[in-house]
Structures are given as structure tokens and as C-alpha cells.
Amino acid sequence: MIELAQGGEEVIITSQGKVVARLTGVAAAGAAPKADYKEWLTELANLRESLATGHAAPTTDEILKDLRSDWD
């Protein structure tokens, strides 16, 4: 079965007539495409710009200062 999967075949394993597993081959190591880091950063910047609401959230320091002023 392993040789079949290595050769690109999909092996279906059944138990009492029901499919319980599927055995397939995997891509060779290092075959995954490398992401272009600069392109990814550009896409991320474009996404952030397209989703910007113009509303700036308070910083952590501002939130803590506000909470501490409530305790006084």
C-alpha cells in the first residue's frame, strides 16, 4: 500500500465496508513554494489601508491611566 501511495495513488482503507482511512503520498521535502516577504508586506499594508476606519484605539498606557484614575 505504501508503494502505491508513493506512486501517487490514493489508497482507501475500509473496515466492515466503511471508509476509515485514506492513504496518500506527500510532496517531496522542500517542494512548498517560498513566500515573497516583500510582496506579503505590501499586501498586508494594502489590506490594513482598505480596512482602516480612521478611529485610533487607545494605547495600553491610556487605558491603564484611565483605570487608575477611577480608583482615586
C-alpha atoms as a PDB file:
ATOM      1  CA  MET A   1       0.000   0.000   0.000  1.00  0.00           C
ATOM      2  CA  ILE A   2       2.832   2.378   0.809  1.00  0.00           C
ATOM      3  CA  GLU A   3       4.371   1.902  -2.621  1.00  0.00           C
ATOM      4  CA  LEU A   4       1.016   2.737  -4.233  1.00  0.00           C
ATOM      5  CA  ALA A   5       0.714   5.945  -2.213  1.00  0.00           C
ATOM      6  CA  GLN A   6       4.315   6.895  -3.017  1.00  0.00           C
ATOM      7  CA  GLY A   7       3.493   6.376  -6.676  1.00  0.00           C
ATOM      8  CA  GLY A   8       0.671   8.908  -6.497  1.00  0.00           C
ATOM      9  CA  GLU A   9      -2.229   6.530  -5.917  1.00  0.00           C
ATOM     10  CA  GLU A  10      -4.831   7.160  -3.250  1.00  0.00           C
ATOM     11  CA  VAL A  11      -5.427   4.077  -1.095  1.00  0.00           C
ATOM     12  CA  ILE A  12      -8.773   3.842   0.699  1.00  0.00           C
ATOM     13  CA  ILE A  13      -8.810   1.650   3.815  1.00  0.00           C
ATOM     14  CA  THR A  14     -12.135   0.220   4.915  1.00  0.00           C
ATOM     15  CA  SER A  15     -13.403  -1.713   7.896  1.00  0.00           C
ATOM     16  CA  GLN A  16     -16.632  -3.673   7.591  1.00  0.00           C
ATOM     17  CA  GLY A  17     -17.397  -1.824   4.358  1.00  0.00           C
ATOM     18  CA  LYS A  18     -16.937   1.669   5.812  1.00  0.00           C
ATOM     19  CA  VAL A  19     -14.098   4.020   4.900  1.00  0.00           C
ATOM     20  CA  VAL A  20     -11.872   4.540   7.947  1.00  0.00           C
ATOM     21  CA  ALA A  21      -8.707   5.989   6.422  1.00  0.00           C
ATOM     22  CA  ARG A  22      -7.202   7.382   3.249  1.00  0.00           C
ATOM     23  CA  LEU A  23      -3.528   6.913   2.445  1.00  0.00           C
ATOM     24  CA  THR A  24      -1.923   9.362   0.028  1.00  0.00           C
ATOM     25  CA  GLY A  25       1.592  10.390  -0.868  1.00  0.00           C
ATOM     26  CA  VAL A  26       3.164  13.662   0.219  1.00  0.00           C
ATOM     27  CA  ALA A  27       5.098  16.227  -1.766  1.00  0.00           C
ATOM     28  CA  ALA A  28       8.866  15.988  -1.686  1.00  0.00           C
ATOM     29  CA  ALA A  29      10.584  17.920   1.097  1.00  0.00           C
ATOM     30  CA  GLY A  30      11.279  21.497   0.162  1.00  0.00           C
ATOM     31  CA  ALA A  31       8.613  21.496  -2.538  1.00  0.00           C
ATOM     32  CA  ALA A  32       6.496  24.111  -0.766  1.00  0.00           C
ATOM     33  CA  PRO A  33       6.625  27.472  -2.527  1.00  0.00           C
ATOM     34  CA  LYS A  34       8.513  30.196  -0.713  1.00  0.00           C
ATOM     35  CA  ALA A  35       6.527  33.286   0.135  1.00  0.00           C
ATOM     36  CA  ASP A  36       7.831  36.577  -1.192  1.00  0.00           C
ATOM     37  CA  TYR A  37       8.259  38.513   2.058  1.00  0.00           C
ATOM     38  CA  LYS A  38       8.202  41.972   0.480  1.00  0.00           C
ATOM     39  CA  GLU A  39       5.136  41.126  -1.591  1.00  0.00           C
ATOM     40  CA  TRP A  40       3.417  39.794   1.533  1.00  0.00           C
ATOM     41  CA  LEU A  41       4.192  43.010   3.448  1.00  0.00           C
ATOM     42  CA  THR A  42       2.813  45.097   0.585  1.00  0.00           C
ATOM     43  CA  GLU A  43      -0.389  43.041   0.527  1.00  0.00           C
ATOM     44  CA  LEU A  44      -0.700  43.383   4.305  1.00  0.00           C
ATOM     45  CA  ALA A  45      -0.257  47.165   4.136  1.00  0.00           C
ATOM     46  CA  ASN A  46      -2.902  47.371   1.389  1.00  0.00           C
ATOM     47  CA  LEU A  47      -5.293  45.256   3.449  1.00  0.00           C
ATOM     48  CA  ARG A  48      -4.788  47.408   6.534  1.00  0.00           C
ATOM     49  CA  GLU A  49      -5.372  50.551   4.489  1.00  0.00           C
ATOM     50  CA  SER A  50      -8.549  49.151   2.927  1.00  0.00           C
ATOM     51  CA  LEU A  51      -9.940  48.213   6.348  1.00  0.00           C
ATOM     52  CA  ALA A  52      -8.925  51.397   8.165  1.00  0.00           C
ATOM     53  CA  THR A  53     -11.807  53.131   9.917  1.00  0.00           C
ATOM     54  CA  GLY A  54      -9.936  56.282  10.850  1.00  0.00           C
ATOM     55  CA  HIS A  55     -10.603  55.545  14.512  1.00  0.00           C
ATOM     56  CA  ALA A  56      -7.496  55.116  16.614  1.00  0.00           C
ATOM     57  CA  ALA A  57      -7.787  52.799  19.591  1.00  0.00           C
ATOM     58  CA  PRO A  58      -6.404  53.937  22.937  1.00  0.00           C
ATOM     59  CA  THR A  59      -2.948  52.770  23.880  1.00  0.00           C
ATOM     60  CA  THR A  60      -2.305  50.442  26.799  1.00  0.00           C
ATOM     61  CA  ASP A  61      -0.876  53.341  28.788  1.00  0.00           C
ATOM     62  CA  GLU A  62      -4.013  55.421  28.178  1.00  0.00           C
ATOM     63  CA  ILE A  63      -6.264  52.578  29.287  1.00  0.00           C
ATOM     64  CA  LEU A  64      -4.253  51.990  32.473  1.00  0.00           C
ATOM     65  CA  LYS A  65      -4.177  55.705  33.270  1.00  0.00           C
ATOM     66  CA  ASP A  66      -7.960  55.871  32.853  1.00  0.00           C
ATOM     67  CA  LEU A  67      -8.499  52.810  35.057  1.00  0.00           C
ATOM     68  CA  ARG A  68      -6.188  54.141  37.759  1.00  0.00           C
ATOM     69  CA  SER A  69      -7.963  57.500  37.783  1.00  0.00           C
ATOM     70  CA  ASP A  70     -11.218  55.645  38.503  1.00  0.00           C
ATOM     71  CA  TRP A  71      -9.653  54.144  41.647  1.00  0.00           C
ATOM     72  CA  ASP A  72      -8.811  57.551  43.134  1.00  0.00           C
END
